[in-house]
Amino acid sequence: MTRDDVLAVCLALPAAEETYPFGDEVAVLKVGGKMFALVPLSGEPESVNLKCDPARALELRDAYSGIRPGYHQNKKHWNTVVLDGSVEDDVVRGLITDSYDLVVSALPRAIRAELGVH
């Protein structure tokens, strides 16, 4: 999976938007104004930062060499997933969806209704 694939998966989620609050080098994917993914647009290896349940974040870091504490993020709630093939594409897709769902579930009911997300 490449960073372009990650961006496509993120943007296919309901009400997801791509923003650049930190400059042109990092795409920040949001839903309801809240971040669920950060994608550095340059540098190697390619990677994505994703929100994660704290207990699961630790399990994933133990299970995959390509999943590390979130770079420049709260290490308890964010993982950096290195896109070097060490984490299977379907796992990366699932982690993107999980991150999105975590953020959506924390949005106020009125915002979720306005965005048409559950």
N, C-alpha and C. Protein backbone atom coordinates (compact mmCIF):
# COMPACT_ATOMS: atom_id res chain seq x y z
N MET A 1 0.86 -1.17 0.00
CA MET A 1 0.00 0.00 0.00
C MET A 1 0.91 1.23 0.00
N THR A 2 0.55 2.22 -0.79
CA THR A 2 1.32 3.46 -0.88
C THR A 2 0.57 4.59 -0.17
N ARG A 3 1.24 5.73 -0.04
CA ARG A 3 0.55 6.87 0.58
C ARG A 3 -0.65 7.30 -0.27
N ASP A 4 -0.55 7.18 -1.60
CA ASP A 4 -1.70 7.51 -2.45
C ASP A 4 -2.87 6.57 -2.20
N ASP A 5 -2.56 5.28 -1.99
CA ASP A 5 -3.62 4.32 -1.66
C ASP A 5 -4.28 4.69 -0.33
N VAL A 6 -3.46 5.06 0.65
CA VAL A 6 -3.98 5.45 1.97
C VAL A 6 -4.90 6.66 1.83
N LEU A 7 -4.46 7.65 1.08
CA LEU A 7 -5.29 8.85 0.88
C LEU A 7 -6.62 8.47 0.22
N ALA A 8 -6.58 7.59 -0.76
CA ALA A 8 -7.81 7.18 -1.45
C ALA A 8 -8.75 6.45 -0.50
N VAL A 9 -8.22 5.56 0.34
CA VAL A 9 -9.06 4.84 1.31
C VAL A 9 -9.68 5.83 2.29
N CYS A 10 -8.87 6.75 2.79
CA CYS A 10 -9.37 7.75 3.75
C CYS A 10 -10.47 8.61 3.14
N LEU A 11 -10.24 9.09 1.93
CA LEU A 11 -11.19 10.00 1.31
C LEU A 11 -12.47 9.31 0.84
N ALA A 12 -12.45 7.98 0.78
CA ALA A 12 -13.66 7.23 0.42
C ALA A 12 -14.61 7.08 1.61
N LEU A 13 -14.13 7.41 2.81
CA LEU A 13 -14.98 7.31 4.00
C LEU A 13 -15.96 8.48 4.05
N PRO A 14 -17.18 8.26 4.56
CA PRO A 14 -18.20 9.32 4.57
C PRO A 14 -17.74 10.58 5.31
N ALA A 15 -17.92 11.72 4.65
CA ALA A 15 -17.65 13.06 5.21
C ALA A 15 -16.17 13.30 5.52
N ALA A 16 -15.27 12.46 5.00
CA ALA A 16 -13.84 12.67 5.22
C ALA A 16 -13.37 13.83 4.35
N GLU A 17 -12.44 14.61 4.91
CA GLU A 17 -11.87 15.72 4.15
C GLU A 17 -10.36 15.75 4.33
N GLU A 18 -9.68 16.23 3.29
CA GLU A 18 -8.22 16.35 3.29
C GLU A 18 -7.88 17.81 3.55
N THR A 19 -7.06 18.05 4.57
CA THR A 19 -6.68 19.42 4.93
C THR A 19 -5.16 19.50 5.07
N TYR A 20 -4.65 20.73 5.14
CA TYR A 20 -3.21 20.96 5.25
C TYR A 20 -2.89 22.01 6.32
N PRO A 21 -3.28 21.77 7.58
CA PRO A 21 -3.05 22.77 8.62
C PRO A 21 -1.58 22.92 9.01
N PHE A 22 -0.75 21.93 8.67
CA PHE A 22 0.66 21.97 9.05
C PHE A 22 1.57 22.28 7.86
N GLY A 23 1.00 22.72 6.74
CA GLY A 23 1.78 23.00 5.54
C GLY A 23 1.55 21.94 4.48
N ASP A 24 2.21 22.15 3.34
CA ASP A 24 1.99 21.31 2.16
C ASP A 24 2.58 19.91 2.25
N GLU A 25 3.36 19.64 3.27
CA GLU A 25 4.06 18.35 3.34
C GLU A 25 3.30 17.25 4.07
N VAL A 26 2.20 17.60 4.76
CA VAL A 26 1.45 16.60 5.53
C VAL A 26 -0.04 16.76 5.27
N ALA A 27 -0.64 15.72 4.68
CA ALA A 27 -2.09 15.70 4.50
C ALA A 27 -2.71 15.24 5.81
N VAL A 28 -3.68 16.01 6.30
CA VAL A 28 -4.39 15.67 7.52
C VAL A 28 -5.82 15.33 7.14
N LEU A 29 -6.22 14.09 7.38
CA LEU A 29 -7.57 13.63 7.07
C LEU A 29 -8.42 13.80 8.30
N LYS A 30 -9.58 14.45 8.09
CA LYS A 30 -10.48 14.76 9.21
C LYS A 30 -11.90 14.33 8.89
N VAL A 31 -12.65 14.13 9.96
CA VAL A 31 -14.09 13.95 9.88
C VAL A 31 -14.68 14.79 11.01
N GLY A 32 -15.64 15.62 10.69
CA GLY A 32 -16.24 16.48 11.71
C GLY A 32 -15.23 17.43 12.33
N GLY A 33 -14.19 17.79 11.57
CA GLY A 33 -13.17 18.70 12.07
C GLY A 33 -12.11 18.06 12.94
N LYS A 34 -12.17 16.74 13.12
CA LYS A 34 -11.22 16.02 13.98
C LYS A 34 -10.33 15.09 13.14
N MET A 35 -9.05 15.05 13.46
CA MET A 35 -8.09 14.23 12.72
C MET A 35 -8.29 12.75 12.96
N PHE A 36 -8.20 11.98 11.88
CA PHE A 36 -8.16 10.52 12.03
C PHE A 36 -6.95 9.92 11.31
N ALA A 37 -6.27 10.69 10.46
CA ALA A 37 -5.07 10.20 9.79
C ALA A 37 -4.18 11.37 9.40
N LEU A 38 -2.88 11.16 9.49
CA LEU A 38 -1.89 12.12 9.02
C LEU A 38 -0.97 11.38 8.06
N VAL A 39 -0.78 11.95 6.87
CA VAL A 39 0.03 11.29 5.85
C VAL A 39 1.14 12.24 5.39
N PRO A 40 2.39 11.97 5.78
CA PRO A 40 3.50 12.76 5.24
C PRO A 40 3.60 12.52 3.74
N LEU A 41 3.70 13.59 2.96
CA LEU A 41 3.66 13.47 1.50
C LEU A 41 5.04 13.31 0.87
N SER A 42 6.08 13.31 1.69
CA SER A 42 7.42 13.07 1.17
C SER A 42 8.17 12.24 2.20
N GLY A 43 9.35 11.83 1.81
CA GLY A 43 10.17 11.03 2.72
C GLY A 43 9.95 9.55 2.55
N GLU A 44 10.95 8.81 2.93
CA GLU A 44 10.91 7.35 2.87
C GLU A 44 11.31 6.80 4.23
N PRO A 45 10.77 5.73 4.67
CA PRO A 45 9.66 5.03 4.03
C PRO A 45 8.35 5.80 4.20
N GLU A 46 7.42 5.54 3.29
CA GLU A 46 6.11 6.16 3.39
C GLU A 46 5.43 5.65 4.67
N SER A 47 4.55 6.49 5.24
CA SER A 47 3.89 6.10 6.48
C SER A 47 2.57 6.85 6.62
N VAL A 48 1.79 6.42 7.61
CA VAL A 48 0.55 7.10 7.99
C VAL A 48 0.42 7.00 9.51
N ASN A 49 -0.02 8.08 10.14
CA ASN A 49 -0.33 8.07 11.57
C ASN A 49 -1.83 7.87 11.72
N LEU A 50 -2.21 6.93 12.58
CA LEU A 50 -3.62 6.60 12.78
C LEU A 50 -3.94 6.52 14.26
N LYS A 51 -5.14 7.00 14.60
CA LYS A 51 -5.62 6.91 15.98
C LYS A 51 -5.95 5.45 16.27
N CYS A 52 -5.76 5.05 17.53
CA CYS A 52 -5.99 3.65 17.89
C CYS A 52 -6.35 3.55 19.36
N ASP A 53 -7.18 2.59 19.69
CA ASP A 53 -7.46 2.28 21.09
C ASP A 53 -6.14 1.97 21.78
N PRO A 54 -5.87 2.55 22.96
CA PRO A 54 -4.56 2.38 23.60
C PRO A 54 -4.13 0.93 23.82
N ALA A 55 -5.02 0.06 24.26
CA ALA A 55 -4.64 -1.34 24.48
C ALA A 55 -4.31 -2.03 23.16
N ARG A 56 -5.11 -1.76 22.15
CA ARG A 56 -4.86 -2.37 20.84
C ARG A 56 -3.59 -1.81 20.22
N ALA A 57 -3.31 -0.53 20.46
CA ALA A 57 -2.08 0.08 19.92
C ALA A 57 -0.86 -0.70 20.38
N LEU A 58 -0.83 -1.07 21.65
CA LEU A 58 0.30 -1.83 22.18
C LEU A 58 0.38 -3.22 21.54
N GLU A 59 -0.76 -3.87 21.39
CA GLU A 59 -0.80 -5.20 20.77
C GLU A 59 -0.27 -5.14 19.34
N LEU A 60 -0.69 -4.12 18.59
CA LEU A 60 -0.26 -3.98 17.21
C LEU A 60 1.24 -3.73 17.11
N ARG A 61 1.76 -2.92 18.02
CA ARG A 61 3.21 -2.64 18.02
C ARG A 61 4.01 -3.91 18.30
N ASP A 62 3.47 -4.79 19.14
CA ASP A 62 4.14 -6.05 19.43
C ASP A 62 4.05 -7.02 18.24
N ALA A 63 2.95 -6.96 17.50
CA ALA A 63 2.71 -7.91 16.42
C ALA A 63 3.39 -7.53 15.10
N TYR A 64 3.62 -6.24 14.86
CA TYR A 64 4.14 -5.78 13.57
C TYR A 64 5.34 -4.86 13.76
N SER A 65 6.43 -5.17 13.09
CA SER A 65 7.61 -4.30 13.15
C SER A 65 7.34 -2.95 12.50
N GLY A 66 6.38 -2.89 11.59
CA GLY A 66 6.05 -1.65 10.88
C GLY A 66 5.02 -0.78 11.57
N ILE A 67 4.66 -1.11 12.80
CA ILE A 67 3.73 -0.28 13.58
C ILE A 67 4.47 0.19 14.82
N ARG A 68 4.56 1.51 14.95
CA ARG A 68 5.34 2.13 16.02
C ARG A 68 4.51 3.19 16.73
N PRO A 69 4.98 3.67 17.88
CA PRO A 69 4.28 4.78 18.53
C PRO A 69 4.17 5.97 17.57
N GLY A 70 3.07 6.69 17.63
CA GLY A 70 2.80 7.78 16.70
C GLY A 70 3.86 8.86 16.71
N TYR A 71 4.46 9.10 15.57
CA TYR A 71 5.48 10.13 15.40
C TYR A 71 4.84 11.50 15.56
N HIS A 72 5.35 12.29 16.47
CA HIS A 72 4.83 13.63 16.77
C HIS A 72 3.37 13.62 17.22
N GLN A 73 2.91 12.52 17.78
CA GLN A 73 1.52 12.39 18.25
C GLN A 73 1.55 11.85 19.68
N ASN A 74 0.39 11.85 20.32
CA ASN A 74 0.25 11.22 21.62
C ASN A 74 0.50 9.72 21.44
N LYS A 75 1.59 9.23 22.01
CA LYS A 75 2.01 7.84 21.80
C LYS A 75 1.00 6.83 22.34
N LYS A 76 0.17 7.25 23.28
CA LYS A 76 -0.83 6.34 23.84
C LYS A 76 -1.96 6.07 22.85
N HIS A 77 -2.33 7.09 22.07
CA HIS A 77 -3.52 7.00 21.22
C HIS A 77 -3.24 6.94 19.72
N TRP A 78 -1.98 7.08 19.32
CA TRP A 78 -1.66 7.13 17.89
C TRP A 78 -0.53 6.16 17.56
N ASN A 79 -0.64 5.51 16.41
CA ASN A 79 0.41 4.66 15.87
C ASN A 79 0.87 5.23 14.53
N THR A 80 2.15 5.05 14.24
CA THR A 80 2.67 5.28 12.90
C THR A 80 2.77 3.92 12.23
N VAL A 81 2.15 3.80 11.06
CA VAL A 81 2.20 2.56 10.29
C VAL A 81 3.12 2.82 9.10
N VAL A 82 4.22 2.09 9.05
CA VAL A 82 5.18 2.22 7.96
C VAL A 82 4.64 1.43 6.77
N LEU A 83 4.61 2.09 5.61
CA LEU A 83 4.04 1.48 4.40
C LEU A 83 5.15 0.82 3.57
N ASP A 84 5.80 -0.16 4.17
CA ASP A 84 6.92 -0.85 3.52
C ASP A 84 6.59 -2.30 3.20
N GLY A 85 5.32 -2.69 3.35
CA GLY A 85 4.91 -4.06 3.09
C GLY A 85 4.94 -4.95 4.32
N SER A 86 5.48 -4.45 5.43
CA SER A 86 5.54 -5.28 6.64
C SER A 86 4.18 -5.42 7.32
N VAL A 87 3.25 -4.53 6.97
CA VAL A 87 1.87 -4.61 7.46
C VAL A 87 1.00 -4.82 6.22
N GLU A 88 0.24 -5.91 6.21
CA GLU A 88 -0.57 -6.25 5.04
C GLU A 88 -1.57 -5.14 4.72
N ASP A 89 -1.86 -5.00 3.42
CA ASP A 89 -2.77 -3.94 2.96
C ASP A 89 -4.13 -4.00 3.64
N ASP A 90 -4.68 -5.21 3.81
CA ASP A 90 -6.00 -5.32 4.45
C ASP A 90 -5.94 -4.89 5.91
N VAL A 91 -4.81 -5.12 6.57
CA VAL A 91 -4.65 -4.66 7.96
C VAL A 91 -4.59 -3.14 7.99
N VAL A 92 -3.85 -2.54 7.07
CA VAL A 92 -3.77 -1.07 7.00
C VAL A 92 -5.16 -0.49 6.75
N ARG A 93 -5.90 -1.07 5.80
CA ARG A 93 -7.27 -0.59 5.54
C ARG A 93 -8.13 -0.68 6.81
N GLY A 94 -8.03 -1.78 7.53
CA GLY A 94 -8.78 -1.95 8.77
C GLY A 94 -8.39 -0.93 9.81
N LEU A 95 -7.10 -0.62 9.91
CA LEU A 95 -6.64 0.37 10.89
C LEU A 95 -7.13 1.77 10.53
N ILE A 96 -7.21 2.06 9.24
CA ILE A 96 -7.76 3.36 8.80
C ILE A 96 -9.22 3.45 9.22
N THR A 97 -9.97 2.40 8.95
CA THR A 97 -11.40 2.39 9.31
C THR A 97 -11.57 2.48 10.82
N ASP A 98 -10.74 1.76 11.58
CA ASP A 98 -10.82 1.82 13.04
C ASP A 98 -10.55 3.23 13.55
N SER A 99 -9.54 3.90 12.97
CA SER A 99 -9.21 5.27 13.38
C SER A 99 -10.38 6.21 13.10
N TYR A 100 -10.93 6.10 11.91
CA TYR A 100 -12.09 6.90 11.52
C TYR A 100 -13.26 6.66 12.48
N ASP A 101 -13.55 5.39 12.75
CA ASP A 101 -14.67 5.04 13.63
C ASP A 101 -14.47 5.58 15.05
N LEU A 102 -13.24 5.53 15.55
CA LEU A 102 -12.95 6.08 16.88
C LEU A 102 -13.27 7.57 16.94
N VAL A 103 -12.86 8.29 15.90
CA VAL A 103 -13.11 9.73 15.86
C VAL A 103 -14.60 10.01 15.71
N VAL A 104 -15.26 9.31 14.81
CA VAL A 104 -16.71 9.52 14.61
C VAL A 104 -17.46 9.24 15.91
N SER A 105 -17.11 8.19 16.62
CA SER A 105 -17.84 7.83 17.84
C SER A 105 -17.70 8.89 18.93
N ALA A 106 -16.65 9.70 18.86
CA ALA A 106 -16.44 10.75 19.86
C ALA A 106 -17.09 12.08 19.46
N LEU A 107 -17.60 12.17 18.24
CA LEU A 107 -18.26 13.40 17.80
C LEU A 107 -19.62 13.53 18.47
N PRO A 108 -20.04 14.75 18.76
CA PRO A 108 -21.39 14.94 19.28
C PRO A 108 -22.44 14.39 18.31
N ARG A 109 -23.51 13.89 18.87
CA ARG A 109 -24.59 13.30 18.06
C ARG A 109 -25.07 14.25 16.97
N ALA A 110 -25.20 15.53 17.29
CA ALA A 110 -25.69 16.50 16.30
C ALA A 110 -24.72 16.63 15.12
N ILE A 111 -23.44 16.60 15.40
CA ILE A 111 -22.43 16.69 14.32
C ILE A 111 -22.49 15.42 13.46
N ARG A 112 -22.59 14.25 14.11
CA ARG A 112 -22.70 13.00 13.35
C ARG A 112 -23.92 13.03 12.44
N ALA A 113 -25.05 13.52 12.96
CA ALA A 113 -26.28 13.60 12.17
C ALA A 113 -26.10 14.57 11.00
N GLU A 114 -25.49 15.71 11.27
CA GLU A 114 -25.26 16.71 10.23
C GLU A 114 -24.38 16.16 9.11
N LEU A 115 -23.39 15.36 9.47
CA LEU A 115 -22.46 14.79 8.49
C LEU A 115 -23.02 13.53 7.84
N GLY A 116 -24.05 12.97 8.43
CA GLY A 116 -24.62 11.74 7.91
C GLY A 116 -23.77 10.51 8.19
N VAL A 117 -23.04 10.56 9.33
CA VAL A 117 -22.21 9.42 9.73
C VAL A 117 -22.78 8.84 11.02
N HIS A 118 -22.45 7.59 11.27
CA HIS A 118 -23.01 6.91 12.45
C HIS A 118 -22.12 7.07 13.61
